[in-house]
C-alpha cells in the first residue's frame, strides 16, 4: 500500500495534549511522520476520500498510509480524534463507538473505498 506522497494534516491541537498525542501515536503506527509544527503533521500517505458528516461528526477524512489506514474525525463540538488500522476493517474496528463505526463502514461501502481495499472484503 506504500505511498511516496506526503500529506499535511491539522490535528486541531498540539501533540502535547493527550488527544493530540493519541492521534499522533495512531498515525505513527501506520506511517512515517516527516515533519511536525504544533498541530500540523506531515506524513507519508494520501487522502483517499472525505466521508460526509453524520450525527455530531462534521466529516471523516480517510487516508491510505504506508502501513495502513487512518480515519480522521472532525466533530462539531469536541476535539478531533482518529482511528487507525493495518486495513480499513481494522481502522473501523478501532472506532470506540459501535454506532459510529457502523455509519463509517456503511459510508465506506457506499463510496466504494472498502470494495477497493483487498484486506477488507
PDB file of N, CA and C in Angstrom:
ATOM      1  N   UNK A   1       0.821  -1.185   0.000  1.00  0.00           N
ATOM      2  CA  UNK A   1       0.000   0.000   0.000  1.00  0.00           C
ATOM      3  C   UNK A   1       0.861   1.243   0.000  1.00  0.00           C
ATOM      4  N   UNK A   2       2.162   1.139   0.109  1.00  0.00           N
ATOM      5  CA  UNK A   2       3.069   2.260   0.306  1.00  0.00           C
ATOM      6  C   UNK A   2       2.754   3.494  -0.502  1.00  0.00           C
ATOM      7  N   UNK A   3       3.111   4.629   0.024  1.00  0.00           N
ATOM      8  CA  UNK A   3       2.871   5.894  -0.641  1.00  0.00           C
ATOM      9  C   UNK A   3       4.087   6.782  -0.478  1.00  0.00           C
ATOM     10  N   UNK A   4       4.548   7.336  -1.611  1.00  0.00           N
ATOM     11  CA  UNK A   4       5.625   8.313  -1.554  1.00  0.00           C
ATOM     12  C   UNK A   4       5.057   9.709  -1.358  1.00  0.00           C
ATOM     13  N   UNK A   5       3.741   9.826  -1.438  1.00  0.00           N
ATOM     14  CA  UNK A   5       3.062  11.111  -1.307  1.00  0.00           C
ATOM     15  C   UNK A   5       3.022  11.527   0.162  1.00  0.00           C
ATOM     16  N   UNK A   6       3.197  12.826   0.415  1.00  0.00           N
ATOM     17  CA  UNK A   6       3.052  13.319   1.778  1.00  0.00           C
ATOM     18  C   UNK A   6       1.811  14.192   1.877  1.00  0.00           C
ATOM     19  N   UNK A   7       1.247  14.211   3.059  1.00  0.00           N
ATOM     20  CA  UNK A   7       0.054  14.986   3.362  1.00  0.00           C
ATOM     21  C   UNK A   7       0.306  15.749   4.646  1.00  0.00           C
ATOM     22  N   UNK A   8      -0.139  16.995   4.695  1.00  0.00           N
ATOM     23  CA  UNK A   8      -0.074  17.765   5.935  1.00  0.00           C
ATOM     24  C   UNK A   8      -1.482  17.858   6.497  1.00  0.00           C
ATOM     25  N   UNK A   9      -1.616  17.487   7.754  1.00  0.00           N
ATOM     26  CA  UNK A   9      -2.903  17.435   8.433  1.00  0.00           C
ATOM     27  C   UNK A   9      -2.856  18.333   9.661  1.00  0.00           C
ATOM     28  N   UNK A  10      -3.885  19.137   9.842  1.00  0.00           N
ATOM     29  CA  UNK A  10      -4.012  19.969  11.038  1.00  0.00           C
ATOM     30  C   UNK A  10      -4.837  19.188  12.056  1.00  0.00           C
ATOM     31  N   UNK A  11      -4.169  18.719  13.106  1.00  0.00           N
ATOM     32  CA  UNK A  11      -4.864  17.941  14.133  1.00  0.00           C
ATOM     33  C   UNK A  11      -5.864  18.779  14.916  1.00  0.00           C
ATOM     34  N   UNK A  12      -5.691  20.089  14.893  1.00  0.00           N
ATOM     35  CA  UNK A  12      -6.569  20.964  15.653  1.00  0.00           C
ATOM     36  C   UNK A  12      -6.050  21.238  17.053  1.00  0.00           C
ATOM     37  N   UNK A  13      -5.152  20.393  17.537  1.00  0.00           N
ATOM     38  CA  UNK A  13      -4.497  20.580  18.837  1.00  0.00           C
ATOM     39  C   UNK A  13      -3.077  20.050  18.719  1.00  0.00           C
ATOM     40  N   UNK A  14      -2.220  20.520  19.585  1.00  0.00           N
ATOM     41  CA  UNK A  14      -0.829  20.091  19.546  1.00  0.00           C
ATOM     42  C   UNK A  14      -0.628  18.711  20.139  1.00  0.00           C
ATOM     43  N   UNK A  15       0.471  18.054  19.775  1.00  0.00           N
ATOM     44  CA  UNK A  15       0.747  16.708  20.284  1.00  0.00           C
ATOM     45  C   UNK A  15       1.081  16.679  21.774  1.00  0.00           C
ATOM     46  N   UNK A  16       1.226  17.854  22.399  1.00  0.00           N
ATOM     47  CA  UNK A  16       1.482  17.874  23.839  1.00  0.00           C
ATOM     48  C   UNK A  16       0.205  17.620  24.645  1.00  0.00           C
ATOM     49  N   UNK A  17      -0.946  17.754  24.008  1.00  0.00           N
ATOM     50  CA  UNK A  17      -2.221  17.463  24.661  1.00  0.00           C
ATOM     51  C   UNK A  17      -2.493  15.961  24.543  1.00  0.00           C
ATOM     52  N   UNK A  18      -3.221  15.396  25.489  1.00  0.00           N
ATOM     53  CA  UNK A  18      -3.486  13.954  25.487  1.00  0.00           C
ATOM     54  C   UNK A  18      -4.142  13.492  24.184  1.00  0.00           C
ATOM     55  N   UNK A  19      -5.153  14.239  23.712  1.00  0.00           N
ATOM     56  CA  UNK A  19      -5.850  13.857  22.484  1.00  0.00           C
ATOM     57  C   UNK A  19      -4.918  13.945  21.282  1.00  0.00           C
ATOM     58  N   UNK A  20      -4.079  14.985  21.242  1.00  0.00           N
ATOM     59  CA  UNK A  20      -3.116  15.138  20.152  1.00  0.00           C
ATOM     60  C   UNK A  20      -2.093  14.022  20.152  1.00  0.00           C
ATOM     61  N   UNK A  21      -1.636  13.650  21.338  1.00  0.00           N
ATOM     62  CA  UNK A  21      -0.666  12.566  21.467  1.00  0.00           C
ATOM     63  C   UNK A  21      -1.267  11.238  21.003  1.00  0.00           C
ATOM     64  N   UNK A  22      -2.538  11.022  21.316  1.00  0.00           N
ATOM     65  CA  UNK A  22      -3.205   9.787  20.889  1.00  0.00           C
ATOM     66  C   UNK A  22      -3.330   9.734  19.365  1.00  0.00           C
ATOM     67  N   UNK A  23      -3.711  10.870  18.740  1.00  0.00           N
ATOM     68  CA  UNK A  23      -3.811  10.896  17.272  1.00  0.00           C
ATOM     69  C   UNK A  23      -2.443  10.670  16.634  1.00  0.00           C
ATOM     70  N   UNK A  24      -1.408  11.280  17.198  1.00  0.00           N
ATOM     71  CA  UNK A  24      -0.046  11.116  16.689  1.00  0.00           C
ATOM     72  C   UNK A  24       0.403   9.664  16.824  1.00  0.00           C
ATOM     73  N   UNK A  25       0.130   9.058  17.969  1.00  0.00           N
ATOM     74  CA  UNK A  25       0.523   7.674  18.217  1.00  0.00           C
ATOM     75  C   UNK A  25      -0.132   6.719  17.214  1.00  0.00           C
ATOM     76  N   UNK A  26      -1.416   6.917  16.943  1.00  0.00           N
ATOM     77  CA  UNK A  26      -2.113   6.073  15.967  1.00  0.00           C
ATOM     78  C   UNK A  26      -1.492   6.223  14.586  1.00  0.00           C
ATOM     79  N   UNK A  27      -1.152   7.453  14.217  1.00  0.00           N
ATOM     80  CA  UNK A  27      -0.556   7.699  12.904  1.00  0.00           C
ATOM     81  C   UNK A  27       0.828   7.074  12.805  1.00  0.00           C
ATOM     82  N   UNK A  28       1.619   7.193  13.869  1.00  0.00           N
ATOM     83  CA  UNK A  28       2.969   6.616  13.861  1.00  0.00           C
ATOM     84  C   UNK A  28       2.940   5.096  13.716  1.00  0.00           C
ATOM     85  N   UNK A  29       1.837   4.460  14.113  1.00  0.00           N
ATOM     86  CA  UNK A  29       1.720   3.018  13.983  1.00  0.00           C
ATOM     87  C   UNK A  29       1.556   2.539  12.550  1.00  0.00           C
ATOM     88  N   UNK A  30       1.152   3.444  11.654  1.00  0.00           N
ATOM     89  CA  UNK A  30       0.861   3.017  10.279  1.00  0.00           C
ATOM     90  C   UNK A  30       1.627   3.784   9.209  1.00  0.00           C
ATOM     91  N   UNK A  31       2.431   4.768   9.603  1.00  0.00           N
ATOM     92  CA  UNK A  31       3.193   5.527   8.617  1.00  0.00           C
ATOM     93  C   UNK A  31       4.351   6.247   9.287  1.00  0.00           C
ATOM     94  N   UNK A  32       5.124   6.949   8.478  1.00  0.00           N
ATOM     95  CA  UNK A  32       6.246   7.731   8.986  1.00  0.00           C
ATOM     96  C   UNK A  32       5.874   9.204   8.965  1.00  0.00           C
ATOM     97  N   UNK A  33       6.208   9.895  10.039  1.00  0.00           N
ATOM     98  CA  UNK A  33       5.980  11.334  10.147  1.00  0.00           C
ATOM     99  C   UNK A  33       7.208  12.024   9.575  1.00  0.00           C
ATOM    100  N   UNK A  34       7.011  12.953   8.645  1.00  0.00           N
ATOM    101  CA  UNK A  34       8.164  13.651   8.070  1.00  0.00           C
ATOM    102  C   UNK A  34       8.379  15.030   8.673  1.00  0.00           C
ATOM    103  N   UNK A  35       7.348  15.624   9.298  1.00  0.00           N
ATOM    104  CA  UNK A  35       7.506  16.935   9.933  1.00  0.00           C
ATOM    105  C   UNK A  35       6.375  17.170  10.925  1.00  0.00           C
ATOM    106  N   UNK A  36       6.687  17.934  11.969  1.00  0.00           N
ATOM    107  CA  UNK A  36       5.691  18.354  12.955  1.00  0.00           C
ATOM    108  C   UNK A  36       5.933  19.819  13.264  1.00  0.00           C
ATOM    109  N   UNK A  37       4.849  20.596  13.289  1.00  0.00           N
ATOM    110  CA  UNK A  37       4.925  22.001  13.651  1.00  0.00           C
ATOM    111  C   UNK A  37       3.648  22.345  14.391  1.00  0.00           C
ATOM    112  N   UNK A  38       3.692  22.245  15.726  1.00  0.00           N
ATOM    113  CA  UNK A  38       2.484  22.462  16.512  1.00  0.00           C
ATOM    114  C   UNK A  38       1.444  21.422  16.149  1.00  0.00           C
ATOM    115  N   UNK A  39       0.230  21.868  15.779  1.00  0.00           N
ATOM    116  CA  UNK A  39      -0.817  20.907  15.423  1.00  0.00           C
ATOM    117  C   UNK A  39      -0.689  20.353  14.005  1.00  0.00           C
ATOM    118  N   UNK A  40       0.269  20.862  13.219  1.00  0.00           N
ATOM    119  CA  UNK A  40       0.427  20.407  11.834  1.00  0.00           C
ATOM    120  C   UNK A  40       1.382  19.225  11.755  1.00  0.00           C
ATOM    121  N   UNK A  41       0.918  18.133  11.163  1.00  0.00           N
ATOM    122  CA  UNK A  41       1.737  16.936  10.970  1.00  0.00           C
ATOM    123  C   UNK A  41       1.822  16.631   9.482  1.00  0.00           C
ATOM    124  N   UNK A  42       3.021  16.380   9.002  1.00  0.00           N
ATOM    125  CA  UNK A  42       3.210  15.947   7.625  1.00  0.00           C
ATOM    126  C   UNK A  42       3.647  14.490   7.673  1.00  0.00           C
ATOM    127  N   UNK A  43       2.941  13.650   6.932  1.00  0.00           N
ATOM    128  CA  UNK A  43       3.191  12.213   6.981  1.00  0.00           C
ATOM    129  C   UNK A  43       3.091  11.622   5.582  1.00  0.00           C
ATOM    130  N   UNK A  44       3.601  10.393   5.441  1.00  0.00           N
ATOM    131  CA  UNK A  44       3.523   9.684   4.171  1.00  0.00           C
ATOM    132  C   UNK A  44       2.163   9.007   4.073  1.00  0.00           C
ATOM    133  N   UNK A  45       1.363   9.484   3.155  1.00  0.00           N
ATOM    134  CA  UNK A  45       0.021   8.978   2.946  1.00  0.00           C
ATOM    135  C   UNK A  45      -0.729   9.923   2.038  1.00  0.00           C
ATOM    136  N   UNK A  46      -1.912   9.474   1.623  1.00  0.00           N
ATOM    137  CA  UNK A  46      -2.713  10.332   0.746  1.00  0.00           C
ATOM    138  C   UNK A  46      -4.177  10.268   1.162  1.00  0.00           C
ATOM    139  N   UNK A  47      -4.841  11.392   0.961  1.00  0.00           N
ATOM    140  CA  UNK A  47      -6.270  11.459   1.228  1.00  0.00           C
ATOM    141  C   UNK A  47      -6.991  10.684   0.129  1.00  0.00           C
ATOM    142  N   UNK A  48      -7.734   9.654   0.523  1.00  0.00           N
ATOM    143  CA  UNK A  48      -8.473   8.833  -0.437  1.00  0.00           C
ATOM    144  C   UNK A  48      -9.862   9.411  -0.662  1.00  0.00           C
ATOM    145  N   UNK A  49     -10.520   9.797   0.419  1.00  0.00           N
ATOM    146  CA  UNK A  49     -11.863  10.365   0.330  1.00  0.00           C
ATOM    147  C   UNK A  49     -12.188  11.087   1.627  1.00  0.00           C
ATOM    148  N   UNK A  50     -13.191  11.913   1.564  1.00  0.00           N
ATOM    149  CA  UNK A  50     -13.761  12.536   2.753  1.00  0.00           C
ATOM    150  C   UNK A  50     -15.210  12.090   2.832  1.00  0.00           C
ATOM    151  N   UNK A  51     -15.566  11.466   3.948  1.00  0.00           N
ATOM    152  CA  UNK A  51     -16.931  10.995   4.152  1.00  0.00           C
ATOM    153  C   UNK A  51     -17.776  12.130   4.705  1.00  0.00           C
ATOM    154  N   UNK A  52     -19.025  12.201   4.249  1.00  0.00           N
ATOM    155  CA  UNK A  52     -19.951  13.207   4.751  1.00  0.00           C
ATOM    156  C   UNK A  52     -20.199  12.992   6.234  1.00  0.00           C
ATOM    157  N   UNK A  53     -20.545  14.074   6.893  1.00  0.00           N
ATOM    158  CA  UNK A  53     -20.808  14.017   8.320  1.00  0.00           C
ATOM    159  C   UNK A  53     -22.092  13.271   8.652  1.00  0.00           C
ATOM    160  N   UNK A  54     -22.224  12.926   9.919  1.00  0.00           N
ATOM    161  CA  UNK A  54     -23.405  12.254  10.445  1.00  0.00           C
ATOM    162  C   UNK A  54     -23.418  12.511  11.939  1.00  0.00           C
ATOM    163  N   UNK A  55     -24.606  12.566  12.520  1.00  0.00           N
ATOM    164  CA  UNK A  55     -24.694  12.820  13.960  1.00  0.00           C
ATOM    165  C   UNK A  55     -23.922  14.075  14.332  1.00  0.00           C
ATOM    166  N   UNK A  56     -22.989  13.945  15.269  1.00  0.00           N
ATOM    167  CA  UNK A  56     -22.181  15.092  15.700  1.00  0.00           C
ATOM    168  C   UNK A  56     -20.854  15.191  14.949  1.00  0.00           C
ATOM    169  N   UNK A  57     -20.644  14.328  13.962  1.00  0.00           N
ATOM    170  CA  UNK A  57     -19.402  14.327  13.177  1.00  0.00           C
ATOM    171  C   UNK A  57     -19.599  15.207  11.939  1.00  0.00           C
ATOM    172  N   UNK A  58     -18.707  16.181  11.755  1.00  0.00           N
ATOM    173  CA  UNK A  58     -18.772  17.063  10.590  1.00  0.00           C
ATOM    174  C   UNK A  58     -18.280  16.352   9.339  1.00  0.00           C
ATOM    175  N   UNK A  59     -17.165  15.614   9.472  1.00  0.00           N
ATOM    176  CA  UNK A  59     -16.613  14.871   8.338  1.00  0.00           C
ATOM    177  C   UNK A  59     -15.616  13.845   8.861  1.00  0.00           C
ATOM    178  N   UNK A  60     -15.293  12.872   7.995  1.00  0.00           N
ATOM    179  CA  UNK A  60     -14.251  11.890   8.285  1.00  0.00           C
ATOM    180  C   UNK A  60     -13.324  11.850   7.074  1.00  0.00           C
ATOM    181  N   UNK A  61     -12.052  12.196   7.285  1.00  0.00           N
ATOM    182  CA  UNK A  61     -11.052  12.110   6.223  1.00  0.00           C
ATOM    183  C   UNK A  61     -10.418  10.726   6.276  1.00  0.00           C
ATOM    184  N   UNK A  62     -10.341  10.064   5.130  1.00  0.00           N
ATOM    185  CA  UNK A  62      -9.814   8.701   5.037  1.00  0.00           C
ATOM    186  C   UNK A  62      -8.480   8.751   4.296  1.00  0.00           C
ATOM    187  N   UNK A  63      -7.412   8.346   4.991  1.00  0.00           N
ATOM    188  CA  UNK A  63      -6.069   8.386   4.425  1.00  0.00           C
ATOM    189  C   UNK A  63      -5.517   6.975   4.247  1.00  0.00           C
ATOM    190  N   UNK A  64      -4.930   6.711   3.080  1.00  0.00           N
ATOM    191  CA  UNK A  64      -4.164   5.488   2.848  1.00  0.00           C
ATOM    192  C   UNK A  64      -2.719   5.821   3.182  1.00  0.00           C
ATOM    193  N   UNK A  65      -2.147   5.077   4.105  1.00  0.00           N
ATOM    194  CA  UNK A  65      -0.785   5.342   4.573  1.00  0.00           C
ATOM    195  C   UNK A  65       0.140   4.177   4.217  1.00  0.00           C
ATOM    196  N   UNK A  66       1.380   4.304   4.570  1.00  0.00           N
ATOM    197  CA  UNK A  66       2.402   3.322   4.204  1.00  0.00           C
ATOM    198  C   UNK A  66       2.060   1.919   4.720  1.00  0.00           C
ATOM    199  N   UNK A  67       1.612   1.827   5.972  1.00  0.00           N
ATOM    200  CA  UNK A  67       1.359   0.518   6.580  1.00  0.00           C
ATOM    201  C   UNK A  67      -0.090   0.346   7.045  1.00  0.00           C
ATOM    202  N   UNK A  68      -1.002   1.155   6.516  1.00  0.00           N
ATOM    203  CA  UNK A  68      -2.382   1.015   6.946  1.00  0.00           C
ATOM    204  C   UNK A  68      -3.252   2.199   6.578  1.00  0.00           C
ATOM    205  N   UNK A  69      -4.333   2.339   7.315  1.00  0.00           N
ATOM    206  CA  UNK A  69      -5.352   3.354   7.052  1.00  0.00           C
ATOM    207  C   UNK A  69      -5.562   4.215   8.285  1.00  0.00           C
ATOM    208  N   UNK A  70      -5.841   5.502   8.048  1.00  0.00           N
ATOM    209  CA  UNK A  70      -6.040   6.482   9.118  1.00  0.00           C
ATOM    210  C   UNK A  70      -7.366   7.183   8.877  1.00  0.00           C
ATOM    211  N   UNK A  71      -8.250   7.133   9.850  1.00  0.00           N
ATOM    212  CA  UNK A  71      -9.543   7.805   9.788  1.00  0.00           C
ATOM    213  C   UNK A  71      -9.485   8.994  10.736  1.00  0.00           C
ATOM    214  N   UNK A  72      -9.634  10.196  10.189  1.00  0.00           N
ATOM    215  CA  UNK A  72      -9.525  11.426  10.974  1.00  0.00           C
ATOM    216  C   UNK A  72     -10.910  12.051  11.105  1.00  0.00           C
ATOM    217  N   UNK A  73     -11.409  12.106  12.339  1.00  0.00           N
ATOM    218  CA  UNK A  73     -12.763  12.577  12.627  1.00  0.00           C
ATOM    219  C   UNK A  73     -12.745  14.036  13.062  1.00  0.00           C
ATOM    220  N   UNK A  74     -13.627  14.826  12.445  1.00  0.00           N
ATOM    221  CA  UNK A  74     -13.790  16.231  12.816  1.00  0.00           C
ATOM    222  C   UNK A  74     -15.218  16.388  13.345  1.00  0.00           C
ATOM    223  N   UNK A  75     -15.375  16.396  14.672  1.00  0.00           N
ATOM    224  CA  UNK A  75     -16.706  16.536  15.257  1.00  0.00           C
ATOM    225  C   UNK A  75     -17.108  18.008  15.384  1.00  0.00           C
ATOM    226  N   UNK A  76     -18.380  18.229  15.662  1.00  0.00           N
ATOM    227  CA  UNK A  76     -18.894  19.587  15.788  1.00  0.00           C
ATOM    228  C   UNK A  76     -18.464  20.262  17.086  1.00  0.00           C
ATOM    229  N   UNK A  77     -18.460  19.541  18.196  1.00  0.00           N
ATOM    230  CA  UNK A  77     -18.320  20.214  19.484  1.00  0.00           C
ATOM    231  C   UNK A  77     -17.259  19.640  20.410  1.00  0.00           C
ATOM    232  N   UNK A  78     -16.274  18.949  19.899  1.00  0.00           N
ATOM    233  CA  UNK A  78     -15.199  18.457  20.755  1.00  0.00           C
ATOM    234  C   UNK A  78     -13.926  18.371  19.932  1.00  0.00           C
ATOM    235  N   UNK A  79     -12.858  17.901  20.553  1.00  0.00           N
ATOM    236  CA  UNK A  79     -11.582  17.810  19.840  1.00  0.00           C
ATOM    237  C   UNK A  79     -11.652  16.748  18.741  1.00  0.00           C
ATOM    238  N   UNK A  80     -10.866  16.960  17.692  1.00  0.00           N
ATOM    239  CA  UNK A  80     -10.737  15.958  16.638  1.00  0.00           C
ATOM    240  C   UNK A  80     -10.203  14.663  17.247  1.00  0.00           C
ATOM    241  N   UNK A  81     -10.452  13.559  16.582  1.00  0.00           N
ATOM    242  CA  UNK A  81      -9.944  12.270  17.044  1.00  0.00           C
ATOM    243  C   UNK A  81      -9.717  11.368  15.837  1.00  0.00           C
ATOM    244  N   UNK A  82      -9.118  10.220  16.066  1.00  0.00           N
ATOM    245  CA  UNK A  82      -8.736   9.361  14.950  1.00  0.00           C
ATOM    246  C   UNK A  82      -8.873   7.887  15.306  1.00  0.00           C
ATOM    247  N   UNK A  83      -8.928   7.085  14.251  1.00  0.00           N
ATOM    248  CA  UNK A  83      -8.870   5.628  14.360  1.00  0.00           C
ATOM    249  C   UNK A  83      -7.901   5.157  13.282  1.00  0.00           C
ATOM    250  N   UNK A  84      -7.250   4.030  13.515  1.00  0.00           N
ATOM    251  CA  UNK A  84      -6.262   3.542  12.550  1.00  0.00           C
ATOM    252  C   UNK A  84      -6.207   2.023  12.587  1.00  0.00           C
ATOM    253  N   UNK A  85      -5.743   1.451  11.475  1.00  0.00           N
ATOM    254  CA  UNK A  85      -5.569   0.005  11.396  1.00  0.00           C
ATOM    255  C   UNK A  85      -4.743  -0.361  10.189  1.00  0.00           C
ATOM    256  N   UNK A  86      -4.272  -1.596  10.171  1.00  0.00           N
ATOM    257  CA  UNK A  86      -3.454  -2.047   9.044  1.00  0.00           C
ATOM    258  C   UNK A  86      -4.292  -2.272   7.790  1.00  0.00           C
ATOM    259  N   UNK A  87      -5.608  -2.378   7.939  1.00  0.00           N
ATOM    260  CA  UNK A  87      -6.533  -2.393   6.810  1.00  0.00           C
ATOM    261  C   UNK A  87      -7.747  -1.572   7.217  1.00  0.00           C
ATOM    262  N   UNK A  88      -8.658  -1.342   6.274  1.00  0.00           N
ATOM    263  CA  UNK A  88      -9.811  -0.494   6.591  1.00  0.00           C
ATOM    264  C   UNK A  88     -10.694  -1.098   7.673  1.00  0.00           C
ATOM    265  N   UNK A  89     -10.912  -2.398   7.634  1.00  0.00           N
ATOM    266  CA  UNK A  89     -11.730  -3.020   8.681  1.00  0.00           C
ATOM    267  C   UNK A  89     -11.083  -2.837  10.050  1.00  0.00           C
ATOM    268  N   UNK A  90      -9.755  -2.929  10.090  1.00  0.00           N
ATOM    269  CA  UNK A  90      -9.049  -2.696  11.346  1.00  0.00           C
ATOM    270  C   UNK A  90      -9.207  -1.270  11.828  1.00  0.00           C
ATOM    271  N   UNK A  91      -9.170  -0.317  10.901  1.00  0.00           N
ATOM    272  CA  UNK A  91      -9.361   1.089  11.265  1.00  0.00           C
ATOM    273  C   UNK A  91     -10.782   1.319  11.769  1.00  0.00           C
ATOM    274  N   UNK A  92     -11.764   0.716  11.100  1.00  0.00           N
ATOM    275  CA  UNK A  92     -13.152   0.848  11.545  1.00  0.00           C
ATOM    276  C   UNK A  92     -13.328   0.186  12.912  1.00  0.00           C
ATOM    277  N   UNK A  93     -12.694  -0.954  13.120  1.00  0.00           N
ATOM    278  CA  UNK A  93     -12.777  -1.648  14.415  1.00  0.00           C
ATOM    279  C   UNK A  93     -12.155  -0.825  15.538  1.00  0.00           C
ATOM    280  N   UNK A  94     -11.262   0.098  15.199  1.00  0.00           N
ATOM    281  CA  UNK A  94     -10.610   0.959  16.188  1.00  0.00           C
ATOM    282  C   UNK A  94     -11.514   2.107  16.645  1.00  0.00           C
ATOM    283  N   UNK A  95     -12.647   2.306  15.983  1.00  0.00           N
ATOM    284  CA  UNK A  95     -13.599   3.353  16.378  1.00  0.00           C
ATOM    285  C   UNK A  95     -14.295   2.890  17.653  1.00  0.00           C
ATOM    286  N   UNK A  96     -14.227   3.683  18.736  1.00  0.00           N
ATOM    287  CA  UNK A  96     -14.740   3.213  20.028  1.00  0.00           C
ATOM    288  C   UNK A  96     -16.261   3.102  20.132  1.00  0.00           C
ATOM    289  N   UNK A  97     -17.006   3.797  19.310  1.00  0.00           N
ATOM    290  CA  UNK A  97     -18.460   3.789  19.383  1.00  0.00           C
ATOM    291  C   UNK A  97     -19.020   2.908  18.262  1.00  0.00           C
ATOM    292  N   UNK A  98     -19.804   1.896  18.622  1.00  0.00           N
ATOM    293  CA  UNK A  98     -20.312   0.929  17.640  1.00  0.00           C
ATOM    294  C   UNK A  98     -21.206   1.577  16.586  1.00  0.00           C
ATOM    295  N   UNK A  99     -22.065   2.519  16.983  1.00  0.00           N
ATOM    296  CA  UNK A  99     -22.949   3.181  16.019  1.00  0.00           C
ATOM    297  C   UNK A  99     -22.140   4.021  15.035  1.00  0.00           C
ATOM    298  N   UNK A 100     -21.126   4.700  15.526  1.00  0.00           N
ATOM    299  CA  UNK A 100     -20.243   5.496  14.673  1.00  0.00           C
ATOM    300  C   UNK A 100     -19.493   4.579  13.705  1.00  0.00           C
ATOM    301  N   UNK A 101     -18.990   3.459  14.207  1.00  0.00           N
ATOM    302  CA  UNK A 101     -18.269   2.500  13.362  1.00  0.00           C
ATOM    303  C   UNK A 101     -19.183   1.970  12.256  1.00  0.00           C
ATOM    304  N   UNK A 102     -20.430   1.667  12.592  1.00  0.00           N
ATOM    305  CA  UNK A 102     -21.380   1.163  11.595  1.00  0.00           C
ATOM    306  C   UNK A 102     -21.647   2.213  10.518  1.00  0.00           C
ATOM    307  N   UNK A 103     -21.783   3.465  10.916  1.00  0.00           N
ATOM    308  CA  UNK A 103     -22.021   4.545   9.950  1.00  0.00           C
ATOM    309  C   UNK A 103     -20.817   4.730   9.035  1.00  0.00           C
ATOM    310  N   UNK A 104     -19.612   4.687   9.596  1.00  0.00           N
ATOM    311  CA  UNK A 104     -18.399   4.826   8.787  1.00  0.00           C
ATOM    312  C   UNK A 104     -18.275   3.651   7.819  1.00  0.00           C
ATOM    313  N   UNK A 105     -18.499   2.436   8.305  1.00  0.00           N
ATOM    314  CA  UNK A 105     -18.420   1.251   7.440  1.00  0.00           C
ATOM    315  C   UNK A 105     -19.403   1.376   6.272  1.00  0.00           C
ATOM    316  N   UNK A 106     -20.626   1.786   6.569  1.00  0.00           N
ATOM    317  CA  UNK A 106     -21.639   1.960   5.537  1.00  0.00           C
ATOM    318  C   UNK A 106     -21.215   3.035   4.528  1.00  0.00           C
ATOM    319  N   UNK A 107     -20.687   4.145   5.012  1.00  0.00           N
ATOM    320  CA  UNK A 107     -20.224   5.225   4.126  1.00  0.00           C
ATOM    321  C   UNK A 107     -19.058   4.772   3.259  1.00  0.00           C
ATOM    322  N   UNK A 108     -18.157   3.979   3.823  1.00  0.00           N
ATOM    323  CA  UNK A 108     -17.021   3.460   3.050  1.00  0.00           C
ATOM    324  C   UNK A 108     -17.493   2.519   1.944  1.00  0.00           C
ATOM    325  N   UNK A 109     -18.510   1.708   2.236  1.00  0.00           N
ATOM    326  CA  UNK A 109     -19.080   0.830   1.208  1.00  0.00           C
ATOM    327  C   UNK A 109     -19.750   1.653   0.114  1.00  0.00           C
ATOM    328  N   UNK A 110     -20.567   2.641   0.514  1.00  0.00           N
ATOM    329  CA  UNK A 110     -21.262   3.478  -0.471  1.00  0.00           C
ATOM    330  C   UNK A 110     -20.278   4.205  -1.378  1.00  0.00           C
ATOM    331  N   UNK A 111     -19.159   4.648  -0.811  1.00  0.00           N
ATOM    332  CA  UNK A 111     -18.172   5.390  -1.609  1.00  0.00           C
ATOM    333  C   UNK A 111     -17.295   4.464  -2.453  1.00  0.00           C
ATOM    334  N   UNK A 112     -17.373   3.150  -2.203  1.00  0.00           N
ATOM    335  CA  UNK A 112     -16.575   2.190  -2.959  1.00  0.00           C
ATOM    336  C   UNK A 112     -15.174   1.990  -2.419  1.00  0.00           C
ATOM    337  N   UNK A 113     -14.839   2.640  -1.323  1.00  0.00           N
ATOM    338  CA  UNK A 113     -13.476   2.537  -0.788  1.00  0.00           C
ATOM    339  C   UNK A 113     -13.218   1.162  -0.195  1.00  0.00           C
ATOM    340  N   UNK A 114     -14.136   0.622   0.581  1.00  0.00           N
ATOM    341  CA  UNK A 114     -13.914  -0.705   1.169  1.00  0.00           C
ATOM    342  C   UNK A 114     -13.806  -1.756   0.073  1.00  0.00           C
ATOM    343  N   UNK A 115     -14.625  -1.653  -0.962  1.00  0.00           N
ATOM    344  CA  UNK A 115     -14.559  -2.624  -2.057  1.00  0.00           C
ATOM    345  C   UNK A 115     -13.204  -2.586  -2.753  1.00  0.00           C
ATOM    346  N   UNK A 116     -12.501  -1.454  -2.668  1.00  0.00           N
ATOM    347  CA  UNK A 116     -11.195  -1.314  -3.311  1.00  0.00           C
ATOM    348  C   UNK A 116     -10.043  -1.738  -2.413  1.00  0.00           C
ATOM    349  N   UNK A 117     -10.319  -2.080  -1.157  1.00  0.00           N
ATOM    350  CA  UNK A 117      -9.279  -2.490  -0.217  1.00  0.00           C
ATOM    351  C   UNK A 117      -9.320  -4.007  -0.096  1.00  0.00           C
ATOM    352  N   UNK A 118      -8.350  -4.683  -0.671  1.00  0.00           N
ATOM    353  CA  UNK A 118      -8.335  -6.148  -0.718  1.00  0.00           C
ATOM    354  C   UNK A 118      -8.432  -6.774   0.660  1.00  0.00           C
ATOM    355  N   UNK A 119      -7.900  -6.130   1.683  1.00  0.00           N
ATOM    356  CA  UNK A 119      -7.915  -6.691   3.026  1.00  0.00           C
ATOM    357  C   UNK A 119      -9.248  -6.561   3.722  1.00  0.00           C
ATOM    358  N   UNK A 120     -10.188  -5.838   3.146  1.00  0.00           N
ATOM    359  CA  UNK A 120     -11.430  -5.574   3.857  1.00  0.00           C
ATOM    360  C   UNK A 120     -12.618  -6.365   3.331  1.00  0.00           C
ATOM    361  N   UNK A 121     -12.460  -7.125   2.285  1.00  0.00           N
ATOM    362  CA  UNK A 121     -13.594  -7.871   1.731  1.00  0.00           C
ATOM    363  C   UNK A 121     -13.943  -9.082   2.541  1.00  0.00           C
TER     364      UNK A 121
END
